[in-house]
C-alpha atoms as a PDB file:
ATOM      1  CA  UNK A   1      17.015 -19.801  -1.243  1.00  0.00           C
ATOM      2  CA  UNK A   2      14.691 -18.851   1.614  1.00  0.00           C
ATOM      3  CA  UNK A   3      14.510 -15.793   3.787  1.00  0.00           C
ATOM      4  CA  UNK A   4      13.487 -15.263   7.375  1.00  0.00           C
ATOM      5  CA  UNK A   5      11.505 -11.994   7.397  1.00  0.00           C
ATOM      6  CA  UNK A   6      12.155 -11.543  11.105  1.00  0.00           C
ATOM      7  CA  UNK A   7      15.853 -11.323  10.336  1.00  0.00           C
ATOM      8  CA  UNK A   8      15.259  -8.799   7.581  1.00  0.00           C
ATOM      9  CA  UNK A   9      12.921  -6.287   9.215  1.00  0.00           C
ATOM     10  CA  UNK A  10      11.820  -5.137  12.642  1.00  0.00           C
ATOM     11  CA  UNK A  11       8.925  -7.350  13.708  1.00  0.00           C
ATOM     12  CA  UNK A  12       7.072  -5.617  16.488  1.00  0.00           C
ATOM     13  CA  UNK A  13       5.723  -8.643  18.296  1.00  0.00           C
ATOM     14  CA  UNK A  14       1.969  -8.084  17.941  1.00  0.00           C
ATOM     15  CA  UNK A  15       0.042 -10.684  15.943  1.00  0.00           C
ATOM     16  CA  UNK A  16      -1.602  -9.480  12.762  1.00  0.00           C
ATOM     17  CA  UNK A  17      -4.968 -10.670  14.072  1.00  0.00           C
ATOM     18  CA  UNK A  18      -4.764  -8.322  17.094  1.00  0.00           C
ATOM     19  CA  UNK A  19      -5.741  -5.386  14.869  1.00  0.00           C
ATOM     20  CA  UNK A  20      -9.469  -5.277  14.076  1.00  0.00           C
ATOM     21  CA  UNK A  21      -9.626  -5.050  10.288  1.00  0.00           C
ATOM     22  CA  UNK A  22     -13.426  -5.292  10.338  1.00  0.00           C
ATOM     23  CA  UNK A  23     -13.752  -2.134  12.435  1.00  0.00           C
ATOM     24  CA  UNK A  24     -11.765   0.166  10.132  1.00  0.00           C
ATOM     25  CA  UNK A  25     -12.062   0.304   6.352  1.00  0.00           C
ATOM     26  CA  UNK A  26      -9.346   1.958   4.299  1.00  0.00           C
ATOM     27  CA  UNK A  27      -9.463   2.843   0.639  1.00  0.00           C
ATOM     28  CA  UNK A  28     -13.179   3.242   0.012  1.00  0.00           C
ATOM     29  CA  UNK A  29     -12.799   6.762  -1.381  1.00  0.00           C
ATOM     30  CA  UNK A  30     -12.114   7.652  -5.001  1.00  0.00           C
ATOM     31  CA  UNK A  31      -8.534   8.160  -6.183  1.00  0.00           C
ATOM     32  CA  UNK A  32      -7.439  10.163  -9.205  1.00  0.00           C
ATOM     33  CA  UNK A  33      -4.133  11.419 -10.596  1.00  0.00           C
ATOM     34  CA  UNK A  34      -4.740  14.935  -9.312  1.00  0.00           C
ATOM     35  CA  UNK A  35      -2.140  15.844  -6.643  1.00  0.00           C
ATOM     36  CA  UNK A  36      -5.009  16.806  -4.314  1.00  0.00           C
ATOM     37  CA  UNK A  37      -5.603  13.086  -3.673  1.00  0.00           C
ATOM     38  CA  UNK A  38      -3.438  11.445  -1.032  1.00  0.00           C
ATOM     39  CA  UNK A  39      -3.067   8.337  -3.192  1.00  0.00           C
ATOM     40  CA  UNK A  40      -2.243  10.158  -6.436  1.00  0.00           C
ATOM     41  CA  UNK A  41       1.472   9.315  -6.510  1.00  0.00           C
ATOM     42  CA  UNK A  42       0.850   5.657  -5.684  1.00  0.00           C
ATOM     43  CA  UNK A  43      -1.632   5.520  -8.544  1.00  0.00           C
ATOM     44  CA  UNK A  44       0.693   7.314 -10.970  1.00  0.00           C
ATOM     45  CA  UNK A  45       3.625   4.978 -10.377  1.00  0.00           C
ATOM     46  CA  UNK A  46       1.431   1.896 -10.503  1.00  0.00           C
ATOM     47  CA  UNK A  47      -0.070   2.932 -13.842  1.00  0.00           C
ATOM     48  CA  UNK A  48       3.420   3.574 -15.219  1.00  0.00           C
ATOM     49  CA  UNK A  49       4.532   0.071 -14.254  1.00  0.00           C
ATOM     50  CA  UNK A  50       1.349  -1.507 -15.634  1.00  0.00           C
ATOM     51  CA  UNK A  51       1.793   0.212 -19.000  1.00  0.00           C
ATOM     52  CA  UNK A  52       2.781  -2.954 -20.852  1.00  0.00           C
ATOM     53  CA  UNK A  53       0.554  -5.340 -18.884  1.00  0.00           C
ATOM     54  CA  UNK A  54      -2.524  -6.940 -20.447  1.00  0.00           C
ATOM     55  CA  UNK A  55      -5.067  -9.278 -18.869  1.00  0.00           C
ATOM     56  CA  UNK A  56      -6.040  -9.920 -15.237  1.00  0.00           C
ATOM     57  CA  UNK A  57      -4.581  -7.761 -12.474  1.00  0.00           C
ATOM     58  CA  UNK A  58      -5.346  -8.301  -8.792  1.00  0.00           C
ATOM     59  CA  UNK A  59      -5.061  -5.779  -5.996  1.00  0.00           C
ATOM     60  CA  UNK A  60      -4.449  -7.646  -2.753  1.00  0.00           C
ATOM     61  CA  UNK A  61      -5.495  -5.756   0.366  1.00  0.00           C
ATOM     62  CA  UNK A  62      -7.853  -3.625  -1.703  1.00  0.00           C
ATOM     63  CA  UNK A  63      -9.866  -2.329   1.247  1.00  0.00           C
ATOM     64  CA  UNK A  64     -12.927  -0.459   0.046  1.00  0.00           C
ATOM     65  CA  UNK A  65     -11.792  -0.735  -3.575  1.00  0.00           C
ATOM     66  CA  UNK A  66     -10.874   2.882  -4.304  1.00  0.00           C
ATOM     67  CA  UNK A  67      -7.530   2.114  -5.918  1.00  0.00           C
ATOM     68  CA  UNK A  68      -8.900  -0.867  -7.849  1.00  0.00           C
ATOM     69  CA  UNK A  69     -11.618   1.388  -9.281  1.00  0.00           C
ATOM     70  CA  UNK A  70      -8.981   3.979 -10.190  1.00  0.00           C
ATOM     71  CA  UNK A  71      -6.929   1.365 -12.044  1.00  0.00           C
ATOM     72  CA  UNK A  72     -10.039   0.321 -13.951  1.00  0.00           C
ATOM     73  CA  UNK A  73     -10.906   3.972 -14.675  1.00  0.00           C
ATOM     74  CA  UNK A  74      -7.520   4.690 -16.262  1.00  0.00           C
ATOM     75  CA  UNK A  75      -7.023   1.200 -17.729  1.00  0.00           C
ATOM     76  CA  UNK A  76     -10.478  -0.056 -18.785  1.00  0.00           C
ATOM     77  CA  UNK A  77      -8.771  -2.715 -20.927  1.00  0.00           C
ATOM     78  CA  UNK A  78      -7.542  -4.537 -17.809  1.00  0.00           C
ATOM     79  CA  UNK A  79      -9.600  -7.109 -15.953  1.00  0.00           C
ATOM     80  CA  UNK A  80      -9.125  -5.694 -12.459  1.00  0.00           C
ATOM     81  CA  UNK A  81      -9.996  -7.890  -9.483  1.00  0.00           C
ATOM     82  CA  UNK A  82      -9.548  -7.289  -5.791  1.00  0.00           C
ATOM     83  CA  UNK A  83      -9.395  -9.165  -2.527  1.00  0.00           C
ATOM     84  CA  UNK A  84      -9.142  -8.282   1.130  1.00  0.00           C
ATOM     85  CA  UNK A  85      -9.092 -10.041   4.479  1.00  0.00           C
ATOM     86  CA  UNK A  86     -11.989  -7.873   5.702  1.00  0.00           C
ATOM     87  CA  UNK A  87     -15.539  -8.906   4.851  1.00  0.00           C
ATOM     88  CA  UNK A  88     -16.740  -5.402   5.654  1.00  0.00           C
ATOM     89  CA  UNK A  89     -14.224  -3.876   3.232  1.00  0.00           C
ATOM     90  CA  UNK A  90     -15.320  -6.287   0.497  1.00  0.00           C
ATOM     91  CA  UNK A  91     -18.955  -5.294   1.080  1.00  0.00           C
ATOM     92  CA  UNK A  92     -18.056  -1.604   0.836  1.00  0.00           C
ATOM     93  CA  UNK A  93     -16.117  -2.236  -2.383  1.00  0.00           C
ATOM     94  CA  UNK A  94     -18.862  -4.390  -3.889  1.00  0.00           C
ATOM     95  CA  UNK A  95     -21.501  -1.707  -3.352  1.00  0.00           C
ATOM     96  CA  UNK A  96     -19.500   0.676  -5.554  1.00  0.00           C
ATOM     97  CA  UNK A  97     -19.775  -1.570  -8.614  1.00  0.00           C
ATOM     98  CA  UNK A  98     -17.457  -0.526 -11.464  1.00  0.00           C
ATOM     99  CA  UNK A  99     -17.388  -4.041 -12.938  1.00  0.00           C
ATOM    100  CA  UNK A 100     -14.730  -5.273 -10.505  1.00  0.00           C
ATOM    101  CA  UNK A 101     -14.842  -8.715  -8.896  1.00  0.00           C
ATOM    102  CA  UNK A 102     -13.998  -8.785  -5.188  1.00  0.00           C
ATOM    103  CA  UNK A 103     -13.166 -11.725  -2.925  1.00  0.00           C
ATOM    104  CA  UNK A 104     -12.598 -12.172   0.801  1.00  0.00           C
ATOM    105  CA  UNK A 105      -9.343 -14.076   1.184  1.00  0.00           C
ATOM    106  CA  UNK A 106      -6.252 -14.602   3.277  1.00  0.00           C
ATOM    107  CA  UNK A 107      -3.290 -13.176   1.377  1.00  0.00           C
ATOM    108  CA  UNK A 108      -1.312 -16.354   2.099  1.00  0.00           C
ATOM    109  CA  UNK A 109      -3.906 -18.501   0.279  1.00  0.00           C
ATOM    110  CA  UNK A 110      -5.376 -16.569  -2.630  1.00  0.00           C
ATOM    111  CA  UNK A 111      -8.335 -17.998  -4.573  1.00  0.00           C
ATOM    112  CA  UNK A 112      -6.548 -17.761  -7.944  1.00  0.00           C
ATOM    113  CA  UNK A 113      -4.966 -20.486 -10.015  1.00  0.00           C
ATOM    114  CA  UNK A 114      -1.194 -20.672 -10.398  1.00  0.00           C
ATOM    115  CA  UNK A 115       0.197 -18.516 -13.234  1.00  0.00           C
ATOM    116  CA  UNK A 116      -3.244 -17.032 -13.924  1.00  0.00           C
ATOM    117  CA  UNK A 117      -2.571 -13.298 -13.405  1.00  0.00           C
ATOM    118  CA  UNK A 118      -0.665 -10.745 -15.461  1.00  0.00           C
ATOM    119  CA  UNK A 119      -0.255  -8.294 -12.586  1.00  0.00           C
ATOM    120  CA  UNK A 120      -0.198  -8.331  -8.786  1.00  0.00           C
ATOM    121  CA  UNK A 121      -0.611  -5.010  -6.992  1.00  0.00           C
ATOM    122  CA  UNK A 122      -0.378  -4.127  -3.277  1.00  0.00           C
ATOM    123  CA  UNK A 123      -0.470  -0.773  -1.502  1.00  0.00           C
ATOM    124  CA  UNK A 124       0.445  -0.591   2.204  1.00  0.00           C
ATOM    125  CA  UNK A 125       0.021  -4.332   2.793  1.00  0.00           C
ATOM    126  CA  UNK A 126       3.401  -5.973   3.422  1.00  0.00           C
ATOM    127  CA  UNK A 127       3.905  -4.169   6.740  1.00  0.00           C
ATOM    128  CA  UNK A 128       0.673  -5.687   8.100  1.00  0.00           C
ATOM    129  CA  UNK A 129       1.582  -9.374   7.780  1.00  0.00           C
ATOM    130  CA  UNK A 130       3.594 -11.595  10.099  1.00  0.00           C
ATOM    131  CA  UNK A 131       5.264 -13.484   7.241  1.00  0.00           C
ATOM    132  CA  UNK A 132       6.026 -11.127   4.320  1.00  0.00           C
ATOM    133  CA  UNK A 133       8.046 -13.791   2.528  1.00  0.00           C
ATOM    134  CA  UNK A 134       5.078 -16.156   2.469  1.00  0.00           C
ATOM    135  CA  UNK A 135       2.849 -13.460   0.957  1.00  0.00           C
ATOM    136  CA  UNK A 136       5.418 -12.731  -1.759  1.00  0.00           C
ATOM    137  CA  UNK A 137       5.699 -16.452  -2.531  1.00  0.00           C
ATOM    138  CA  UNK A 138       1.937 -16.507  -3.060  1.00  0.00           C
ATOM    139  CA  UNK A 139       2.233 -13.514  -5.384  1.00  0.00           C
ATOM    140  CA  UNK A 140       4.902 -15.395  -7.324  1.00  0.00           C
ATOM    141  CA  UNK A 141       2.659 -18.473  -7.544  1.00  0.00           C
ATOM    142  CA  UNK A 142      -0.361 -16.711  -9.051  1.00  0.00           C
ATOM    143  CA  UNK A 143       1.613 -14.571 -11.509  1.00  0.00           C
ATOM    144  CA  UNK A 144       2.097 -15.792 -15.061  1.00  0.00           C
ATOM    145  CA  UNK A 145       5.668 -16.012 -16.375  1.00  0.00           C
ATOM    146  CA  UNK A 146       7.001 -12.449 -16.772  1.00  0.00           C
ATOM    147  CA  UNK A 147       4.046 -11.239 -14.660  1.00  0.00           C
ATOM    148  CA  UNK A 148       4.463  -7.902 -12.886  1.00  0.00           C
ATOM    149  CA  UNK A 149       4.513  -7.294  -9.140  1.00  0.00           C
ATOM    150  CA  UNK A 150       3.988  -3.673  -8.095  1.00  0.00           C
ATOM    151  CA  UNK A 151       3.734  -2.537  -4.493  1.00  0.00           C
ATOM    152  CA  UNK A 152       4.048   0.436  -2.222  1.00  0.00           C
ATOM    153  CA  UNK A 153       5.658  -0.334   1.133  1.00  0.00           C
ATOM    154  CA  UNK A 154       6.279   2.059   4.037  1.00  0.00           C
ATOM    155  CA  UNK A 155       9.973   2.050   4.942  1.00  0.00           C
ATOM    156  CA  UNK A 156       9.577   3.132   8.542  1.00  0.00           C
ATOM    157  CA  UNK A 157      12.663   1.204   9.598  1.00  0.00           C
ATOM    158  CA  UNK A 158      14.952   3.552   7.640  1.00  0.00           C
ATOM    159  CA  UNK A 159      17.112   5.454  10.126  1.00  0.00           C
ATOM    160  CA  UNK A 160      16.375   8.816   8.496  1.00  0.00           C
ATOM    161  CA  UNK A 161      12.574   8.667   9.045  1.00  0.00           C
ATOM    162  CA  UNK A 162      10.586  10.307  11.818  1.00  0.00           C
ATOM    163  CA  UNK A 163       8.887   6.966  12.406  1.00  0.00           C
ATOM    164  CA  UNK A 164      12.158   5.215  13.190  1.00  0.00           C
ATOM    165  CA  UNK A 165      13.330   8.066  15.418  1.00  0.00           C
ATOM    166  CA  UNK A 166      10.083   8.024  17.399  1.00  0.00           C
ATOM    167  CA  UNK A 167      10.042   4.232  17.598  1.00  0.00           C
ATOM    168  CA  UNK A 168      13.408   4.377  19.346  1.00  0.00           C
ATOM    169  CA  UNK A 169      11.758   6.348  22.176  1.00  0.00           C
ATOM    170  CA  UNK A 170       8.729   4.073  22.431  1.00  0.00           C
ATOM    171  CA  UNK A 171       6.203   5.564  19.961  1.00  0.00           C
ATOM    172  CA  UNK A 172       3.776   2.764  18.983  1.00  0.00           C
ATOM    173  CA  UNK A 173       0.796   4.714  17.646  1.00  0.00           C
ATOM    174  CA  UNK A 174       0.986   3.308  14.136  1.00  0.00           C
ATOM    175  CA  UNK A 175       1.251  -0.234  15.425  1.00  0.00           C
ATOM    176  CA  UNK A 176      -1.783   0.245  17.656  1.00  0.00           C
ATOM    177  CA  UNK A 177      -3.982   2.281  15.314  1.00  0.00           C
ATOM    178  CA  UNK A 178      -2.656   1.327  11.880  1.00  0.00           C
ATOM    179  CA  UNK A 179      -1.881  -2.356  12.312  1.00  0.00           C
ATOM    180  CA  UNK A 180       1.772  -2.002  11.257  1.00  0.00           C
ATOM    181  CA  UNK A 181       3.695  -4.957  12.683  1.00  0.00           C
ATOM    182  CA  UNK A 182       6.784  -4.641  10.437  1.00  0.00           C
ATOM    183  CA  UNK A 183       9.186  -1.731  10.067  1.00  0.00           C
ATOM    184  CA  UNK A 184      11.084  -2.230   6.822  1.00  0.00           C
ATOM    185  CA  UNK A 185      14.181  -0.706   5.350  1.00  0.00           C
ATOM    186  CA  UNK A 186      14.396  -0.822   1.560  1.00  0.00           C
ATOM    187  CA  UNK A 187      17.216  -3.366   1.755  1.00  0.00           C
ATOM    188  CA  UNK A 188      14.915  -5.748   3.638  1.00  0.00           C
ATOM    189  CA  UNK A 189      12.297  -5.622   0.886  1.00  0.00           C
ATOM    190  CA  UNK A 190      14.796  -6.107  -1.934  1.00  0.00           C
ATOM    191  CA  UNK A 191      16.242  -9.143  -0.149  1.00  0.00           C
ATOM    192  CA  UNK A 192      12.773 -10.630   0.293  1.00  0.00           C
ATOM    193  CA  UNK A 193      11.949 -10.159  -3.390  1.00  0.00           C
ATOM    194  CA  UNK A 194      15.229 -11.764  -4.446  1.00  0.00           C
ATOM    195  CA  UNK A 195      14.699 -14.702  -2.093  1.00  0.00           C
ATOM    196  CA  UNK A 196      11.328 -15.453  -3.696  1.00  0.00           C
ATOM    197  CA  UNK A 197      12.667 -15.206  -7.239  1.00  0.00           C
ATOM    198  CA  UNK A 198      11.528 -11.827  -8.539  1.00  0.00           C
ATOM    199  CA  UNK A 199      13.778  -9.815 -10.806  1.00  0.00           C
ATOM    200  CA  UNK A 200      15.991  -7.106  -9.394  1.00  0.00           C
ATOM    201  CA  UNK A 201      13.379  -4.521  -8.416  1.00  0.00           C
ATOM    202  CA  UNK A 202      12.987  -0.990  -9.647  1.00  0.00           C
ATOM    203  CA  UNK A 203      12.026   1.539  -7.003  1.00  0.00           C
ATOM    204  CA  UNK A 204      11.150   5.157  -6.390  1.00  0.00           C
ATOM    205  CA  UNK A 205      11.012   6.988  -3.056  1.00  0.00           C
ATOM    206  CA  UNK A 206       8.154   9.035  -1.637  1.00  0.00           C
ATOM    207  CA  UNK A 207       6.737  10.072   1.755  1.00  0.00           C
ATOM    208  CA  UNK A 208       9.252  12.776   2.521  1.00  0.00           C
ATOM    209  CA  UNK A 209       9.187  15.342   5.323  1.00  0.00           C
ATOM    210  CA  UNK A 210       5.705  16.881   4.964  1.00  0.00           C
ATOM    211  CA  UNK A 211       4.085  13.490   4.505  1.00  0.00           C
ATOM    212  CA  UNK A 212       5.910  12.083   7.533  1.00  0.00           C
ATOM    213  CA  UNK A 213       4.908  15.024   9.724  1.00  0.00           C
ATOM    214  CA  UNK A 214       1.250  14.663   8.736  1.00  0.00           C
ATOM    215  CA  UNK A 215       1.293  10.883   9.168  1.00  0.00           C
ATOM    216  CA  UNK A 216       2.882  11.043  12.612  1.00  0.00           C
ATOM    217  CA  UNK A 217       0.473  13.792  13.665  1.00  0.00           C
ATOM    218  CA  UNK A 218      -2.584  11.780  12.533  1.00  0.00           C
ATOM    219  CA  UNK A 219      -1.634   8.621  14.423  1.00  0.00           C
ATOM    220  CA  UNK A 220      -0.506  10.589  17.466  1.00  0.00           C
ATOM    221  CA  UNK A 221      -3.953  12.209  17.664  1.00  0.00           C
ATOM    222  CA  UNK A 222      -5.590   8.768  17.505  1.00  0.00           C
ATOM    223  CA  UNK A 223      -3.239   7.585  20.238  1.00  0.00           C
ATOM    224  CA  UNK A 224      -3.995  10.558  22.468  1.00  0.00           C
ATOM    225  CA  UNK A 225      -7.758  10.094  22.185  1.00  0.00           C
ATOM    226  CA  UNK A 226      -7.378   6.373  22.810  1.00  0.00           C
ATOM    227  CA  UNK A 227      -9.589   5.016  20.040  1.00  0.00           C
ATOM    228  CA  UNK A 228      -9.365   4.430  16.334  1.00  0.00           C
ATOM    229  CA  UNK A 229     -11.403   5.961  13.534  1.00  0.00           C
ATOM    230  CA  UNK A 230     -13.664   3.786  11.400  1.00  0.00           C
ATOM    231  CA  UNK A 231     -12.249   5.087   8.121  1.00  0.00           C
ATOM    232  CA  UNK A 232      -9.377   7.066   6.616  1.00  0.00           C
ATOM    233  CA  UNK A 233      -9.233  10.864   6.350  1.00  0.00           C
ATOM    234  CA  UNK A 234     -10.450  10.803   2.741  1.00  0.00           C
ATOM    235  CA  UNK A 235     -13.119   8.277   3.661  1.00  0.00           C
ATOM    236  CA  UNK A 236     -14.350  10.704   6.312  1.00  0.00           C
ATOM    237  CA  UNK A 237     -14.383  13.569   3.818  1.00  0.00           C
ATOM    238  CA  UNK A 238     -16.355  11.548   1.256  1.00  0.00           C
ATOM    239  CA  UNK A 239     -19.054  10.638   3.760  1.00  0.00           C
ATOM    240  CA  UNK A 240     -22.239  12.696   3.863  1.00  0.00           C
ATOM    241  CA  UNK A 241     -22.638  15.907   5.808  1.00  0.00           C
ATOM    242  CA  UNK A 242     -21.030  19.321   6.024  1.00  0.00           C
ATOM    243  CA  UNK A 243     -19.512  21.093   8.977  1.00  0.00           C
ATOM    244  CA  UNK A 244     -16.789  23.637   9.765  1.00  0.00           C
ATOM    245  CA  UNK A 245     -14.619  20.792  11.027  1.00  0.00           C
ATOM    246  CA  UNK A 246     -15.057  18.860   7.797  1.00  0.00           C
ATOM    247  CA  UNK A 247     -14.120  21.939   5.769  1.00  0.00           C
ATOM    248  CA  UNK A 248     -11.005  22.448   7.888  1.00  0.00           C
ATOM    249  CA  UNK A 249      -9.979  18.807   7.509  1.00  0.00           C
ATOM    250  CA  UNK A 250     -10.569  18.989   3.751  1.00  0.00           C
ATOM    251  CA  UNK A 251      -8.367  22.070   3.397  1.00  0.00           C
ATOM    252  CA  UNK A 252      -5.611  20.490   5.482  1.00  0.00           C
ATOM    253  CA  UNK A 253      -5.804  17.229   3.528  1.00  0.00           C
ATOM    254  CA  UNK A 254      -5.632  19.018   0.176  1.00  0.00           C
ATOM    255  CA  UNK A 255      -2.640  21.042   1.283  1.00  0.00           C
ATOM    256  CA  UNK A 256      -0.744  18.063   2.673  1.00  0.00           C
ATOM    257  CA  UNK A 257      -1.540  15.908  -0.364  1.00  0.00           C
ATOM    258  CA  UNK A 258      -0.447  18.546  -2.868  1.00  0.00           C
ATOM    259  CA  UNK A 259       2.771  19.511  -1.091  1.00  0.00           C
ATOM    260  CA  UNK A 260       3.649  15.851  -0.442  1.00  0.00           C
ATOM    261  CA  UNK A 261       3.073  14.958  -4.084  1.00  0.00           C
ATOM    262  CA  UNK A 262       5.363  17.622  -5.507  1.00  0.00           C
ATOM    263  CA  UNK A 263       7.893  17.225  -2.694  1.00  0.00           C
ATOM    264  CA  UNK A 264       8.324  13.546  -3.556  1.00  0.00           C
ATOM    265  CA  UNK A 265       8.325  14.170  -7.304  1.00  0.00           C
ATOM    266  CA  UNK A 266      11.164  16.647  -6.882  1.00  0.00           C
ATOM    267  CA  UNK A 267      13.032  14.582  -4.289  1.00  0.00           C
ATOM    268  CA  UNK A 268      12.409  11.169  -5.835  1.00  0.00           C
ATOM    269  CA  UNK A 269      16.081  10.175  -5.575  1.00  0.00           C
ATOM    270  CA  UNK A 270      16.228  11.142  -1.910  1.00  0.00           C
ATOM    271  CA  UNK A 271      15.250   8.346   0.518  1.00  0.00           C
ATOM    272  CA  UNK A 272      11.852   8.888   2.123  1.00  0.00           C
ATOM    273  CA  UNK A 273       9.550   6.873   4.360  1.00  0.00           C
ATOM    274  CA  UNK A 274       7.976   4.870   1.535  1.00  0.00           C
ATOM    275  CA  UNK A 275       9.086   2.963  -1.557  1.00  0.00           C
ATOM    276  CA  UNK A 276       7.244   2.084  -4.766  1.00  0.00           C
ATOM    277  CA  UNK A 277       8.731  -1.164  -6.081  1.00  0.00           C
ATOM    278  CA  UNK A 278       8.186  -3.353  -9.106  1.00  0.00           C
ATOM    279  CA  UNK A 279       9.656  -6.636 -10.272  1.00  0.00           C
ATOM    280  CA  UNK A 280       8.918  -9.410 -12.730  1.00  0.00           C
ATOM    281  CA  UNK A 281       8.494 -13.115 -12.209  1.00  0.00           C
ATOM    282  CA  UNK A 282      11.256 -15.438 -13.418  1.00  0.00           C
ATOM    283  CA  UNK A 283      13.931 -12.763 -13.307  1.00  0.00           C
ATOM    284  CA  UNK A 284      12.901 -10.889 -16.440  1.00  0.00           C
ATOM    285  CA  UNK A 285      13.884  -7.237 -16.242  1.00  0.00           C
ATOM    286  CA  UNK A 286      11.361  -4.587 -17.369  1.00  0.00           C
ATOM    287  CA  UNK A 287      12.160  -3.077 -20.760  1.00  0.00           C
ATOM    288  CA  UNK A 288      12.659   0.407 -19.340  1.00  0.00           C
ATOM    289  CA  UNK A 289      14.396   1.139 -16.054  1.00  0.00           C
ATOM    290  CA  UNK A 290      13.084   3.983 -13.953  1.00  0.00           C
ATOM    291  CA  UNK A 291      15.242   3.337 -10.937  1.00  0.00           C
ATOM    292  CA  UNK A 292      15.305   6.338  -8.639  1.00  0.00           C
END
C-alpha cells in the first residue's frame, strides 16, 4: 500500500530547497528535562519511548546536536548518532563533542545499512520535506525488526490551531521563516505511518494555547522585520554577551517554556498544535500503551 502525502496533508507549494538551511542553525543549545527548557517535553517523551531500546539510535535532522547530546546524557548506554542536511549544523554539532558521530546526509538517502538501527528519532522534521512518505520509508529501511520510530510533528493543519486559522487568512510567516512546507493533521501522519508499515502509533498532544501564541508571535516578528534570525531563541540566549534585551528574552523564554510544559502535561488528552508519536517496525506493538 502506498500513500500520496499531498493527498494527506496541506502542501504549501514551496520547494524544500527554497529555505536556506545553511543560514539558520536550530538545536545547538543544551536541552534538559527541566521545564525551563523549550525542548523539555519533547525530550521527556522521547526518553520514555526509548526506555526499552538498546544499541544504535539516530536523530535525523539533528541540527546543532542539542537533543542528540541530551539523549546521550540521559542514556549513556545508547550509541547515539546524528545527521542533518546542513553542513553548518553538522560543524556546530561536531564542535560540541560528547562522543556522538554526525553525518551530513539527505534524509531520503541515509548513510546507514538496512536494519542496522534500534531507534530512529526526529523532532520537527517531517513538515520540512516535500515527500514525507519517502522519508518514513527510509526510516523503515534502516530500522532493525521491532525497531522504534519516535518523532515530534507540528500539527498545524488541525482546525483548532491558531496556525490553521491564520493560514486561512494568508499568514505564511512560518513557511517563509521556518521552512514549513507541510501542514499536517494527526490523521495524516497516522495514515502515512500505516502506509509504510509501522505499527499503530501511540501519541501524546502538546503545544497548546500558550505555546501557540508564543510561536505565532515569534514568526510574526520575523515576518514584520523581513529577515530571519541565524539561530533559535535558546541558541541566541546561549551565545556570549549580556544585555538588558537578552535578560528580557531569557525571562520571557523561561516563562513560556514552563507554562507550556505544565499546560501540555495537564491537557495531554486535549488536541494541541503538536503530536509526539511512536511506532515499531513490522507491526509490533509496544509493551505498554501510553496513548493520550
